[in-house]
Amino acid sequence: MAVFYYATGGDDWRDCHEGKAVCRDPNSESYLSGKDECSWFGNDCKDGMITKLYFGTSIGNSLAGTIPSELAYLPELESLFLQNNRLRGTIPTELGTLKKFHTLVVTNNLLESPFPESILD
């Protein structure tokens, strides 16, 4: 998940700029803390495995950069909510290898075509 943080400009996420303890706070359950990733901001887990990532809100979270292909290493990932941010590039085709993946919300970003057909299978 550190790859996701850095690939999407984690230090510049809206909540980080507002001083909330979701980024780099070793004393909380923030990103890059030593705590279990299931307790990190935006992550939802089941049985200790990340199943959902929530980083899209009505005003976004100021994620900028690219969606990392390494998300395909989360074998239980079902849903990815990234709407209303400033993500660019393409949607990684590797997400199509995830057997349980069924929801991708990326509206209002700067993503490029084409949409990977591997995700539609």
PDB file of N, CA and C in Angstrom:
ATOM      1  N   MET A   1       0.810  -1.189   0.000  1.00  0.00           N
ATOM      2  CA  MET A   1       0.000   0.000   0.000  1.00  0.00           C
ATOM      3  C   MET A   1       0.857   1.257   0.000  1.00  0.00           C
ATOM      4  N   ALA A   2       2.098   1.138   0.394  1.00  0.00           N
ATOM      5  CA  ALA A   2       2.999   2.294   0.307  1.00  0.00           C
ATOM      6  C   ALA A   2       3.166   2.704  -1.154  1.00  0.00           C
ATOM      7  N   VAL A   3       3.175   1.736  -2.072  1.00  0.00           N
ATOM      8  CA  VAL A   3       3.271   2.043  -3.503  1.00  0.00           C
ATOM      9  C   VAL A   3       2.080   2.906  -3.919  1.00  0.00           C
ATOM     10  N   PHE A   4       0.881   2.573  -3.462  1.00  0.00           N
ATOM     11  CA  PHE A   4      -0.311   3.359  -3.773  1.00  0.00           C
ATOM     12  C   PHE A   4      -0.163   4.780  -3.232  1.00  0.00           C
ATOM     13  N   TYR A   5       0.310   4.902  -2.023  1.00  0.00           N
ATOM     14  CA  TYR A   5       0.501   6.215  -1.391  1.00  0.00           C
ATOM     15  C   TYR A   5       1.421   7.091  -2.241  1.00  0.00           C
ATOM     16  N   TYR A   6       2.575   6.557  -2.598  1.00  0.00           N
ATOM     17  CA  TYR A   6       3.544   7.350  -3.357  1.00  0.00           C
ATOM     18  C   TYR A   6       3.107   7.577  -4.809  1.00  0.00           C
ATOM     19  N   ALA A   7       2.480   6.588  -5.450  1.00  0.00           N
ATOM     20  CA  ALA A   7       2.053   6.719  -6.844  1.00  0.00           C
ATOM     21  C   ALA A   7       0.946   7.751  -7.007  1.00  0.00           C
ATOM     22  N   THR A   8       0.183   7.996  -5.945  1.00  0.00           N
ATOM     23  CA  THR A   8      -0.934   8.937  -6.022  1.00  0.00           C
ATOM     24  C   THR A   8      -0.666  10.227  -5.250  1.00  0.00           C
ATOM     25  N   GLY A   9       0.600  10.501  -4.979  1.00  0.00           N
ATOM     26  CA  GLY A   9       0.971  11.757  -4.318  1.00  0.00           C
ATOM     27  C   GLY A   9       0.464  11.861  -2.897  1.00  0.00           C
ATOM     28  N   GLY A  10       0.607  10.803  -2.136  1.00  0.00           N
ATOM     29  CA  GLY A  10       0.068  10.745  -0.777  1.00  0.00           C
ATOM     30  C   GLY A  10       0.357  11.942   0.099  1.00  0.00           C
ATOM     31  N   ASP A  11       1.546  12.504  -0.007  1.00  0.00           N
ATOM     32  CA  ASP A  11       1.874  13.662   0.829  1.00  0.00           C
ATOM     33  C   ASP A  11       0.995  14.868   0.504  1.00  0.00           C
ATOM     34  N   ASP A  12       0.402  14.861  -0.687  1.00  0.00           N
ATOM     35  CA  ASP A  12      -0.445  15.984  -1.103  1.00  0.00           C
ATOM     36  C   ASP A  12      -1.938  15.664  -1.069  1.00  0.00           C
ATOM     37  N   TRP A  13      -2.330  14.516  -0.520  1.00  0.00           N
ATOM     38  CA  TRP A  13      -3.753  14.218  -0.394  1.00  0.00           C
ATOM     39  C   TRP A  13      -4.410  15.328   0.410  1.00  0.00           C
ATOM     40  N   ARG A  14      -5.664  15.604   0.095  1.00  0.00           N
ATOM     41  CA  ARG A  14      -6.406  16.684   0.760  1.00  0.00           C
ATOM     42  C   ARG A  14      -6.368  16.532   2.272  1.00  0.00           C
ATOM     43  N   ASP A  15      -6.625  15.341   2.762  1.00  0.00           N
ATOM     44  CA  ASP A  15      -6.654  15.134   4.211  1.00  0.00           C
ATOM     45  C   ASP A  15      -5.286  15.359   4.849  1.00  0.00           C
ATOM     46  N   CYS A  16      -4.229  15.112   4.116  1.00  0.00           N
ATOM     47  CA  CYS A  16      -2.887  15.348   4.660  1.00  0.00           C
ATOM     48  C   CYS A  16      -2.637  16.848   4.800  1.00  0.00           C
ATOM     49  N   HIS A  17      -3.048  17.606   3.782  1.00  0.00           N
ATOM     50  CA  HIS A  17      -2.876  19.056   3.832  1.00  0.00           C
ATOM     51  C   HIS A  17      -3.723  19.705   4.917  1.00  0.00           C
ATOM     52  N   GLU A  18      -4.832  19.095   5.250  1.00  0.00           N
ATOM     53  CA  GLU A  18      -5.708  19.646   6.284  1.00  0.00           C
ATOM     54  C   GLU A  18      -5.249  19.252   7.680  1.00  0.00           C
ATOM     55  N   GLY A  19      -4.121  18.572   7.755  1.00  0.00           N
ATOM     56  CA  GLY A  19      -3.547  18.233   9.049  1.00  0.00           C
ATOM     57  C   GLY A  19      -4.172  17.046   9.748  1.00  0.00           C
ATOM     58  N   LYS A  20      -4.987  16.290   9.031  1.00  0.00           N
ATOM     59  CA  LYS A  20      -5.604  15.115   9.645  1.00  0.00           C
ATOM     60  C   LYS A  20      -4.569  14.003   9.770  1.00  0.00           C
ATOM     61  N   ALA A  21      -4.720  13.189  10.772  1.00  0.00           N
ATOM     62  CA  ALA A  21      -3.731  12.143  11.055  1.00  0.00           C
ATOM     63  C   ALA A  21      -3.968  10.902  10.194  1.00  0.00           C
ATOM     64  N   VAL A  22      -4.036  11.086   8.864  1.00  0.00           N
ATOM     65  CA  VAL A  22      -4.189   9.932   7.978  1.00  0.00           C
ATOM     66  C   VAL A  22      -2.905   9.651   7.207  1.00  0.00           C
ATOM     67  N   CYS A  23      -1.928  10.532   7.319  1.00  0.00           N
ATOM     68  CA  CYS A  23      -0.688  10.398   6.560  1.00  0.00           C
ATOM     69  C   CYS A  23       0.537  10.551   7.454  1.00  0.00           C
ATOM     70  N   ARG A  24       1.362   9.559   7.440  1.00  0.00           N
ATOM     71  CA  ARG A  24       2.677   9.622   8.091  1.00  0.00           C
ATOM     72  C   ARG A  24       2.668   9.958   9.578  1.00  0.00           C
ATOM     73  N   ASP A  25       1.660   9.566  10.274  1.00  0.00           N
ATOM     74  CA  ASP A  25       1.623   9.789  11.713  1.00  0.00           C
ATOM     75  C   ASP A  25       1.886   8.454  12.401  1.00  0.00           C
ATOM     76  N   PRO A  26       3.092   8.244  12.930  1.00  0.00           N
ATOM     77  CA  PRO A  26       3.432   6.941  13.519  1.00  0.00           C
ATOM     78  C   PRO A  26       2.619   6.587  14.751  1.00  0.00           C
ATOM     79  N   ASN A  27       1.948   7.570  15.336  1.00  0.00           N
ATOM     80  CA  ASN A  27       1.158   7.320  16.541  1.00  0.00           C
ATOM     81  C   ASN A  27      -0.310   7.055  16.246  1.00  0.00           C
ATOM     82  N   SER A  28      -0.680   7.009  14.967  1.00  0.00           N
ATOM     83  CA  SER A  28      -2.070   6.742  14.620  1.00  0.00           C
ATOM     84  C   SER A  28      -2.122   5.579  13.630  1.00  0.00           C
ATOM     85  N   GLU A  29      -3.301   5.328  13.126  1.00  0.00           N
ATOM     86  CA  GLU A  29      -3.469   4.267  12.147  1.00  0.00           C
ATOM     87  C   GLU A  29      -3.442   4.863  10.741  1.00  0.00           C
ATOM     88  N   SER A  30      -2.438   5.676  10.484  1.00  0.00           N
ATOM     89  CA  SER A  30      -2.324   6.383   9.220  1.00  0.00           C
ATOM     90  C   SER A  30      -1.516   5.588   8.220  1.00  0.00           C
ATOM     91  N   TYR A  31      -1.575   6.061   6.988  1.00  0.00           N
ATOM     92  CA  TYR A  31      -0.736   5.473   5.945  1.00  0.00           C
ATOM     93  C   TYR A  31       0.713   5.580   6.354  1.00  0.00           C
ATOM     94  N   LEU A  32       1.470   4.554   6.041  1.00  0.00           N
ATOM     95  CA  LEU A  32       2.899   4.443   6.312  1.00  0.00           C
ATOM     96  C   LEU A  32       3.229   4.303   7.793  1.00  0.00           C
ATOM     97  N   SER A  33       2.216   4.096   8.625  1.00  0.00           N
ATOM     98  CA  SER A  33       2.503   3.820  10.032  1.00  0.00           C
ATOM     99  C   SER A  33       2.869   2.346  10.151  1.00  0.00           C
ATOM    100  N   GLY A  34       3.306   1.957  11.278  1.00  0.00           N
ATOM    101  CA  GLY A  34       3.659   0.564  11.507  1.00  0.00           C
ATOM    102  C   GLY A  34       2.452  -0.313  11.823  1.00  0.00           C
ATOM    103  N   LYS A  35       1.280   0.281  11.826  1.00  0.00           N
ATOM    104  CA  LYS A  35       0.058  -0.455  12.151  1.00  0.00           C
ATOM    105  C   LYS A  35      -0.385  -1.320  10.962  1.00  0.00           C
ATOM    106  N   ASP A  36      -1.301  -2.214  11.227  1.00  0.00           N
ATOM    107  CA  ASP A  36      -1.871  -3.085  10.201  1.00  0.00           C
ATOM    108  C   ASP A  36      -2.501  -2.255   9.085  1.00  0.00           C
ATOM    109  N   GLU A  37      -2.207  -2.577   7.828  1.00  0.00           N
ATOM    110  CA  GLU A  37      -2.748  -1.838   6.688  1.00  0.00           C
ATOM    111  C   GLU A  37      -4.276  -1.833   6.677  1.00  0.00           C
ATOM    112  N   CYS A  38      -4.891  -2.817   7.295  1.00  0.00           N
ATOM    113  CA  CYS A  38      -6.358  -2.861   7.339  1.00  0.00           C
ATOM    114  C   CYS A  38      -6.930  -1.714   8.157  1.00  0.00           C
ATOM    115  N   SER A  39      -6.138  -1.115   9.014  1.00  0.00           N
ATOM    116  CA  SER A  39      -6.621   0.003   9.819  1.00  0.00           C
ATOM    117  C   SER A  39      -6.289   1.355   9.186  1.00  0.00           C
ATOM    118  N   TRP A  40      -5.568   1.347   8.078  1.00  0.00           N
ATOM    119  CA  TRP A  40      -5.177   2.597   7.435  1.00  0.00           C
ATOM    120  C   TRP A  40      -6.362   3.276   6.772  1.00  0.00           C
ATOM    121  N   PHE A  41      -6.320   4.568   6.708  1.00  0.00           N
ATOM    122  CA  PHE A  41      -7.322   5.401   6.052  1.00  0.00           C
ATOM    123  C   PHE A  41      -7.633   4.899   4.645  1.00  0.00           C
ATOM    124  N   GLY A  42      -8.914   4.727   4.350  1.00  0.00           N
ATOM    125  CA  GLY A  42      -9.350   4.344   3.007  1.00  0.00           C
ATOM    126  C   GLY A  42      -9.381   2.858   2.720  1.00  0.00           C
ATOM    127  N   ASN A  43      -8.832   2.052   3.589  1.00  0.00           N
ATOM    128  CA  ASN A  43      -8.785   0.605   3.358  1.00  0.00           C
ATOM    129  C   ASN A  43      -9.908  -0.094   4.112  1.00  0.00           C
ATOM    130  N   ASP A  44     -10.537  -1.051   3.443  1.00  0.00           N
ATOM    131  CA  ASP A  44     -11.554  -1.881   4.078  1.00  0.00           C
ATOM    132  C   ASP A  44     -11.106  -3.324   3.907  1.00  0.00           C
ATOM    133  N   CYS A  45     -11.171  -4.084   4.973  1.00  0.00           N
ATOM    134  CA  CYS A  45     -10.646  -5.450   4.940  1.00  0.00           C
ATOM    135  C   CYS A  45     -11.656  -6.475   5.430  1.00  0.00           C
ATOM    136  N   LYS A  46     -11.376  -7.701   5.056  1.00  0.00           N
ATOM    137  CA  LYS A  46     -12.117  -8.850   5.553  1.00  0.00           C
ATOM    138  C   LYS A  46     -11.092  -9.945   5.816  1.00  0.00           C
ATOM    139  N   ASP A  47     -11.128 -10.494   7.001  1.00  0.00           N
ATOM    140  CA  ASP A  47     -10.194 -11.548   7.403  1.00  0.00           C
ATOM    141  C   ASP A  47      -8.741 -11.160   7.149  1.00  0.00           C
ATOM    142  N   GLY A  48      -8.419  -9.901   7.423  1.00  0.00           N
ATOM    143  CA  GLY A  48      -7.048  -9.441   7.304  1.00  0.00           C
ATOM    144  C   GLY A  48      -6.566  -9.151   5.892  1.00  0.00           C
ATOM    145  N   MET A  49      -7.463  -9.175   4.922  1.00  0.00           N
ATOM    146  CA  MET A  49      -7.092  -8.914   3.524  1.00  0.00           C
ATOM    147  C   MET A  49      -7.847  -7.688   3.019  1.00  0.00           C
ATOM    148  N   ILE A  50      -7.165  -6.806   2.298  1.00  0.00           N
ATOM    149  CA  ILE A  50      -7.805  -5.606   1.767  1.00  0.00           C
ATOM    150  C   ILE A  50      -8.790  -6.003   0.677  1.00  0.00           C
ATOM    151  N   THR A  51     -10.034  -5.546   0.832  1.00  0.00           N
ATOM    152  CA  THR A  51     -11.085  -5.848  -0.143  1.00  0.00           C
ATOM    153  C   THR A  51     -11.572  -4.606  -0.886  1.00  0.00           C
ATOM    154  N   LYS A  52     -11.470  -3.445  -0.248  1.00  0.00           N
ATOM    155  CA  LYS A  52     -11.956  -2.212  -0.863  1.00  0.00           C
ATOM    156  C   LYS A  52     -11.018  -1.067  -0.534  1.00  0.00           C
ATOM    157  N   LEU A  53     -10.866  -0.160  -1.500  1.00  0.00           N
ATOM    158  CA  LEU A  53     -10.133   1.076  -1.278  1.00  0.00           C
ATOM    159  C   LEU A  53     -11.086   2.227  -1.573  1.00  0.00           C
ATOM    160  N   TYR A  54     -11.263   3.115  -0.600  1.00  0.00           N
ATOM    161  CA  TYR A  54     -12.171   4.257  -0.717  1.00  0.00           C
ATOM    162  C   TYR A  54     -11.378   5.561  -0.720  1.00  0.00           C
ATOM    163  N   PHE A  55     -11.173   6.114  -1.874  1.00  0.00           N
ATOM    164  CA  PHE A  55     -10.479   7.394  -1.983  1.00  0.00           C
ATOM    165  C   PHE A  55     -11.225   8.366  -2.872  1.00  0.00           C
ATOM    166  N   GLY A  56     -12.487   8.082  -3.118  1.00  0.00           N
ATOM    167  CA  GLY A  56     -13.314   8.983  -3.895  1.00  0.00           C
ATOM    168  C   GLY A  56     -14.430   9.507  -3.034  1.00  0.00           C
ATOM    169  N   THR A  57     -14.575  10.802  -3.017  1.00  0.00           N
ATOM    170  CA  THR A  57     -15.670  11.430  -2.291  1.00  0.00           C
ATOM    171  C   THR A  57     -16.292  12.462  -3.221  1.00  0.00           C
ATOM    172  N   SER A  58     -17.296  13.149  -2.766  1.00  0.00           N
ATOM    173  CA  SER A  58     -17.926  14.164  -3.606  1.00  0.00           C
ATOM    174  C   SER A  58     -16.959  15.292  -3.935  1.00  0.00           C
ATOM    175  N   ILE A  59     -15.959  15.513  -3.097  1.00  0.00           N
ATOM    176  CA  ILE A  59     -14.965  16.542  -3.394  1.00  0.00           C
ATOM    177  C   ILE A  59     -13.582  15.952  -3.653  1.00  0.00           C
ATOM    178  N   GLY A  60     -13.464  14.638  -3.646  1.00  0.00           N
ATOM    179  CA  GLY A  60     -12.194  13.983  -3.914  1.00  0.00           C
ATOM    180  C   GLY A  60     -11.239  14.067  -2.739  1.00  0.00           C
ATOM    181  N   ASN A  61     -10.074  13.486  -2.936  1.00  0.00           N
ATOM    182  CA  ASN A  61      -9.034  13.507  -1.912  1.00  0.00           C
ATOM    183  C   ASN A  61      -7.717  14.050  -2.442  1.00  0.00           C
ATOM    184  N   SER A  62      -7.763  14.670  -3.624  1.00  0.00           N
ATOM    185  CA  SER A  62      -6.573  15.261  -4.254  1.00  0.00           C
ATOM    186  C   SER A  62      -5.520  14.221  -4.606  1.00  0.00           C
ATOM    187  N   LEU A  63      -5.941  12.994  -4.901  1.00  0.00           N
ATOM    188  CA  LEU A  63      -4.992  12.009  -5.385  1.00  0.00           C
ATOM    189  C   LEU A  63      -4.542  12.448  -6.768  1.00  0.00           C
ATOM    190  N   ALA A  64      -3.260  12.431  -7.000  1.00  0.00           N
ATOM    191  CA  ALA A  64      -2.699  12.809  -8.294  1.00  0.00           C
ATOM    192  C   ALA A  64      -1.595  11.825  -8.627  1.00  0.00           C
ATOM    193  N   GLY A  65      -1.465  11.516  -9.894  1.00  0.00           N
ATOM    194  CA  GLY A  65      -0.466  10.546 -10.316  1.00  0.00           C
ATOM    195  C   GLY A  65      -1.163   9.426 -11.051  1.00  0.00           C
ATOM    196  N   THR A  66      -0.660   8.236 -10.896  1.00  0.00           N
ATOM    197  CA  THR A  66      -1.194   7.099 -11.635  1.00  0.00           C
ATOM    198  C   THR A  66      -1.720   6.021 -10.691  1.00  0.00           C
ATOM    199  N   ILE A  67      -2.612   5.195 -11.213  1.00  0.00           N
ATOM    200  CA  ILE A  67      -3.099   4.038 -10.465  1.00  0.00           C
ATOM    201  C   ILE A  67      -2.036   2.950 -10.612  1.00  0.00           C
ATOM    202  N   PRO A  68      -1.411   2.526  -9.546  1.00  0.00           N
ATOM    203  CA  PRO A  68      -0.317   1.563  -9.672  1.00  0.00           C
ATOM    204  C   PRO A  68      -0.803   0.151 -10.020  1.00  0.00           C
ATOM    205  N   SER A  69      -0.077  -0.485 -10.920  1.00  0.00           N
ATOM    206  CA  SER A  69      -0.413  -1.861 -11.306  1.00  0.00           C
ATOM    207  C   SER A  69      -0.248  -2.822 -10.134  1.00  0.00           C
ATOM    208  N   GLU A  70       0.525  -2.427  -9.139  1.00  0.00           N
ATOM    209  CA  GLU A  70       0.755  -3.282  -7.969  1.00  0.00           C
ATOM    210  C   GLU A  70      -0.517  -3.568  -7.179  1.00  0.00           C
ATOM    211  N   LEU A  71      -1.595  -2.839  -7.429  1.00  0.00           N
ATOM    212  CA  LEU A  71      -2.864  -3.160  -6.765  1.00  0.00           C
ATOM    213  C   LEU A  71      -3.310  -4.576  -7.100  1.00  0.00           C
ATOM    214  N   ALA A  72      -2.820  -5.114  -8.198  1.00  0.00           N
ATOM    215  CA  ALA A  72      -3.144  -6.495  -8.583  1.00  0.00           C
ATOM    216  C   ALA A  72      -2.551  -7.514  -7.609  1.00  0.00           C
ATOM    217  N   TYR A  73      -1.659  -7.059  -6.739  1.00  0.00           N
ATOM    218  CA  TYR A  73      -1.101  -7.957  -5.720  1.00  0.00           C
ATOM    219  C   TYR A  73      -2.000  -8.048  -4.477  1.00  0.00           C
ATOM    220  N   LEU A  74      -3.161  -7.422  -4.541  1.00  0.00           N
ATOM    221  CA  LEU A  74      -4.141  -7.527  -3.459  1.00  0.00           C
ATOM    222  C   LEU A  74      -5.181  -8.551  -3.904  1.00  0.00           C
ATOM    223  N   PRO A  75      -4.961  -9.824  -3.628  1.00  0.00           N
ATOM    224  CA  PRO A  75      -5.781 -10.888  -4.219  1.00  0.00           C
ATOM    225  C   PRO A  75      -7.265 -10.846  -3.861  1.00  0.00           C
ATOM    226  N   GLU A  76      -7.618 -10.183  -2.771  1.00  0.00           N
ATOM    227  CA  GLU A  76      -9.022 -10.127  -2.354  1.00  0.00           C
ATOM    228  C   GLU A  76      -9.697  -8.809  -2.739  1.00  0.00           C
ATOM    229  N   LEU A  77      -8.999  -7.956  -3.490  1.00  0.00           N
ATOM    230  CA  LEU A  77      -9.558  -6.656  -3.843  1.00  0.00           C
ATOM    231  C   LEU A  77     -10.818  -6.820  -4.685  1.00  0.00           C
ATOM    232  N   GLU A  78     -11.900  -6.212  -4.214  1.00  0.00           N
ATOM    233  CA  GLU A  78     -13.200  -6.278  -4.884  1.00  0.00           C
ATOM    234  C   GLU A  78     -13.600  -4.941  -5.486  1.00  0.00           C
ATOM    235  N   SER A  79     -13.269  -3.848  -4.788  1.00  0.00           N
ATOM    236  CA  SER A  79     -13.764  -2.534  -5.194  1.00  0.00           C
ATOM    237  C   SER A  79     -12.695  -1.472  -5.037  1.00  0.00           C
ATOM    238  N   LEU A  80     -12.733  -0.528  -5.978  1.00  0.00           N
ATOM    239  CA  LEU A  80     -11.786   0.577  -5.993  1.00  0.00           C
ATOM    240  C   LEU A  80     -12.566   1.851  -6.298  1.00  0.00           C
ATOM    241  N   PHE A  81     -12.616   2.766  -5.333  1.00  0.00           N
ATOM    242  CA  PHE A  81     -13.355   4.018  -5.469  1.00  0.00           C
ATOM    243  C   PHE A  81     -12.351   5.170  -5.507  1.00  0.00           C
ATOM    244  N   LEU A  82     -12.165   5.756  -6.676  1.00  0.00           N
ATOM    245  CA  LEU A  82     -11.161   6.807  -6.863  1.00  0.00           C
ATOM    246  C   LEU A  82     -11.724   8.046  -7.552  1.00  0.00           C
ATOM    247  N   GLN A  83     -13.033   8.229  -7.511  1.00  0.00           N
ATOM    248  CA  GLN A  83     -13.654   9.326  -8.236  1.00  0.00           C
ATOM    249  C   GLN A  83     -13.278  10.691  -7.674  1.00  0.00           C
ATOM    250  N   ASN A  84     -13.366  11.705  -8.564  1.00  0.00           N
ATOM    251  CA  ASN A  84     -13.160  13.114  -8.196  1.00  0.00           C
ATOM    252  C   ASN A  84     -11.753  13.403  -7.682  1.00  0.00           C
ATOM    253  N   ASN A  85     -10.771  12.903  -8.382  1.00  0.00           N
ATOM    254  CA  ASN A  85      -9.382  13.169  -8.052  1.00  0.00           C
ATOM    255  C   ASN A  85      -8.669  13.689  -9.293  1.00  0.00           C
ATOM    256  N   ARG A  86      -7.355  13.618  -9.318  1.00  0.00           N
ATOM    257  CA  ARG A  86      -6.576  14.083 -10.475  1.00  0.00           C
ATOM    258  C   ARG A  86      -5.656  12.976 -10.984  1.00  0.00           C
ATOM    259  N   LEU A  87      -6.187  11.770 -11.042  1.00  0.00           N
ATOM    260  CA  LEU A  87      -5.387  10.645 -11.520  1.00  0.00           C
ATOM    261  C   LEU A  87      -5.255  10.723 -13.034  1.00  0.00           C
ATOM    262  N   ARG A  88      -4.096  10.331 -13.540  1.00  0.00           N
ATOM    263  CA  ARG A  88      -3.839  10.391 -14.981  1.00  0.00           C
ATOM    264  C   ARG A  88      -3.297   9.042 -15.442  1.00  0.00           C
ATOM    265  N   GLY A  89      -3.042   8.949 -16.724  1.00  0.00           N
ATOM    266  CA  GLY A  89      -2.530   7.699 -17.279  1.00  0.00           C
ATOM    267  C   GLY A  89      -3.681   6.780 -17.625  1.00  0.00           C
ATOM    268  N   THR A  90      -3.415   5.494 -17.563  1.00  0.00           N
ATOM    269  CA  THR A  90      -4.435   4.504 -17.908  1.00  0.00           C
ATOM    270  C   THR A  90      -4.758   3.636 -16.693  1.00  0.00           C
ATOM    271  N   ILE A  91      -5.852   2.926 -16.801  1.00  0.00           N
ATOM    272  CA  ILE A  91      -6.223   1.957 -15.767  1.00  0.00           C
ATOM    273  C   ILE A  91      -5.373   0.709 -16.007  1.00  0.00           C
ATOM    274  N   PRO A  92      -4.671   0.242 -15.009  1.00  0.00           N
ATOM    275  CA  PRO A  92      -3.792  -0.917 -15.205  1.00  0.00           C
ATOM    276  C   PRO A  92      -4.548  -2.170 -15.652  1.00  0.00           C
ATOM    277  N   THR A  93      -4.078  -2.796 -16.712  1.00  0.00           N
ATOM    278  CA  THR A  93      -4.699  -4.034 -17.191  1.00  0.00           C
ATOM    279  C   THR A  93      -4.578  -5.145 -16.158  1.00  0.00           C
ATOM    280  N   GLU A  94      -3.583  -5.052 -15.286  1.00  0.00           N
ATOM    281  CA  GLU A  94      -3.355  -6.068 -14.266  1.00  0.00           C
ATOM    282  C   GLU A  94      -4.548  -6.233 -13.326  1.00  0.00           C
ATOM    283  N   LEU A  95      -5.383  -5.205 -13.202  1.00  0.00           N
ATOM    284  CA  LEU A  95      -6.569  -5.333 -12.347  1.00  0.00           C
ATOM    285  C   LEU A  95      -7.484  -6.439 -12.858  1.00  0.00           C
ATOM    286  N   GLY A  96      -7.396  -6.750 -14.135  1.00  0.00           N
ATOM    287  CA  GLY A  96      -8.201  -7.818 -14.720  1.00  0.00           C
ATOM    288  C   GLY A  96      -7.828  -9.204 -14.235  1.00  0.00           C
ATOM    289  N   THR A  97      -6.698  -9.339 -13.565  1.00  0.00           N
ATOM    290  CA  THR A  97      -6.287 -10.647 -13.043  1.00  0.00           C
ATOM    291  C   THR A  97      -6.923 -10.957 -11.695  1.00  0.00           C
ATOM    292  N   LEU A  98      -7.551  -9.944 -11.092  1.00  0.00           N
ATOM    293  CA  LEU A  98      -8.163 -10.131  -9.774  1.00  0.00           C
ATOM    294  C   LEU A  98      -9.498 -10.847  -9.919  1.00  0.00           C
ATOM    295  N   LYS A  99      -9.608 -11.998  -9.330  1.00  0.00           N
ATOM    296  CA  LYS A  99     -10.791 -12.849  -9.487  1.00  0.00           C
ATOM    297  C   LYS A  99     -12.061 -12.264  -8.861  1.00  0.00           C
ATOM    298  N   LYS A 100     -11.932 -11.523  -7.764  1.00  0.00           N
ATOM    299  CA  LYS A 100     -13.104 -11.007  -7.060  1.00  0.00           C
ATOM    300  C   LYS A 100     -13.420  -9.543  -7.402  1.00  0.00           C
ATOM    301  N   PHE A 101     -12.614  -8.937  -8.242  1.00  0.00           N
ATOM    302  CA  PHE A 101     -12.770  -7.517  -8.559  1.00  0.00           C
ATOM    303  C   PHE A 101     -14.044  -7.274  -9.364  1.00  0.00           C
ATOM    304  N   HIS A 102     -14.920  -6.372  -8.858  1.00  0.00           N
ATOM    305  CA  HIS A 102     -16.185  -6.124  -9.557  1.00  0.00           C
ATOM    306  C   HIS A 102     -16.593  -4.664  -9.637  1.00  0.00           C
ATOM    307  N   THR A 103     -15.966  -3.769  -8.877  1.00  0.00           N
ATOM    308  CA  THR A 103     -16.386  -2.375  -8.887  1.00  0.00           C
ATOM    309  C   THR A 103     -15.185  -1.456  -9.055  1.00  0.00           C
ATOM    310  N   LEU A 104     -15.265  -0.609 -10.076  1.00  0.00           N
ATOM    311  CA  LEU A 104     -14.235   0.390 -10.330  1.00  0.00           C
ATOM    312  C   LEU A 104     -14.933   1.712 -10.609  1.00  0.00           C
ATOM    313  N   VAL A 105     -14.697   2.702  -9.755  1.00  0.00           N
ATOM    314  CA  VAL A 105     -15.301   4.023  -9.933  1.00  0.00           C
ATOM    315  C   VAL A 105     -14.168   5.034 -10.072  1.00  0.00           C
ATOM    316  N   VAL A 106     -14.012   5.569 -11.278  1.00  0.00           N
ATOM    317  CA  VAL A 106     -12.913   6.489 -11.565  1.00  0.00           C
ATOM    318  C   VAL A 106     -13.383   7.756 -12.292  1.00  0.00           C
ATOM    319  N   THR A 107     -14.651   8.091 -12.163  1.00  0.00           N
ATOM    320  CA  THR A 107     -15.176   9.277 -12.832  1.00  0.00           C
ATOM    321  C   THR A 107     -14.482  10.544 -12.331  1.00  0.00           C
ATOM    322  N   ASN A 108     -14.468  11.555 -13.177  1.00  0.00           N
ATOM    323  CA  ASN A 108     -13.889  12.865 -12.849  1.00  0.00           C
ATOM    324  C   ASN A 108     -12.418  12.789 -12.451  1.00  0.00           C
ATOM    325  N   ASN A 109     -11.638  12.160 -13.313  1.00  0.00           N
ATOM    326  CA  ASN A 109     -10.191  12.127 -13.208  1.00  0.00           C
ATOM    327  C   ASN A 109      -9.638  12.535 -14.566  1.00  0.00           C
ATOM    328  N   LEU A 110      -8.371  12.350 -14.785  1.00  0.00           N
ATOM    329  CA  LEU A 110      -7.729  12.695 -16.049  1.00  0.00           C
ATOM    330  C   LEU A 110      -7.214  11.448 -16.753  1.00  0.00           C
ATOM    331  N   LEU A 111      -7.912  10.352 -16.587  1.00  0.00           N
ATOM    332  CA  LEU A 111      -7.476   9.070 -17.133  1.00  0.00           C
ATOM    333  C   LEU A 111      -7.650   9.037 -18.646  1.00  0.00           C
ATOM    334  N   GLU A 112      -6.797   8.249 -19.290  1.00  0.00           N
ATOM    335  CA  GLU A 112      -6.799   8.124 -20.738  1.00  0.00           C
ATOM    336  C   GLU A 112      -7.436   6.817 -21.176  1.00  0.00           C
ATOM    337  N   SER A 113      -7.893   6.801 -22.395  1.00  0.00           N
ATOM    338  CA  SER A 113      -8.426   5.580 -23.016  1.00  0.00           C
ATOM    339  C   SER A 113      -7.252   4.740 -23.486  1.00  0.00           C
ATOM    340  N   PRO A 114      -7.440   3.513 -23.819  1.00  0.00           N
ATOM    341  CA  PRO A 114      -8.696   2.777 -23.751  1.00  0.00           C
ATOM    342  C   PRO A 114      -8.899   2.144 -22.381  1.00  0.00           C
ATOM    343  N   PHE A 115     -10.142   1.771 -22.126  1.00  0.00           N
ATOM    344  CA  PHE A 115     -10.478   1.046 -20.910  1.00  0.00           C
ATOM    345  C   PHE A 115     -10.033  -0.401 -21.107  1.00  0.00           C
ATOM    346  N   PRO A 116      -9.262  -0.966 -20.202  1.00  0.00           N
ATOM    347  CA  PRO A 116      -8.757  -2.336 -20.405  1.00  0.00           C
ATOM    348  C   PRO A 116      -9.871  -3.378 -20.442  1.00  0.00           C
ATOM    349  N   GLU A 117      -9.918  -4.110 -21.527  1.00  0.00           N
ATOM    350  CA  GLU A 117     -10.936  -5.144 -21.669  1.00  0.00           C
ATOM    351  C   GLU A 117     -10.788  -6.258 -20.644  1.00  0.00           C
ATOM    352  N   SER A 118      -9.568  -6.469 -20.137  1.00  0.00           N
ATOM    353  CA  SER A 118      -9.347  -7.537 -19.157  1.00  0.00           C
ATOM    354  C   SER A 118     -10.181  -7.341 -17.902  1.00  0.00           C
ATOM    355  N   ILE A 119     -10.547  -6.105 -17.586  1.00  0.00           N
ATOM    356  CA  ILE A 119     -11.359  -5.832 -16.409  1.00  0.00           C
ATOM    357  C   ILE A 119     -12.810  -6.217 -16.641  1.00  0.00           C
ATOM    358  N   LEU A 120     -13.230  -6.224 -17.878  1.00  0.00           N
ATOM    359  CA  LEU A 120     -14.624  -6.513 -18.203  1.00  0.00           C
ATOM    360  C   LEU A 120     -14.960  -7.991 -18.160  1.00  0.00           C
ATOM    361  N   ASP A 121     -13.945  -8.843 -18.112  1.00  0.00           N
ATOM    362  CA  ASP A 121     -14.194 -10.294 -18.102  1.00  0.00           C
ATOM    363  C   ASP A 121     -14.785 -10.770 -16.801  1.00  0.00           C
TER     364      ASP A 121
END
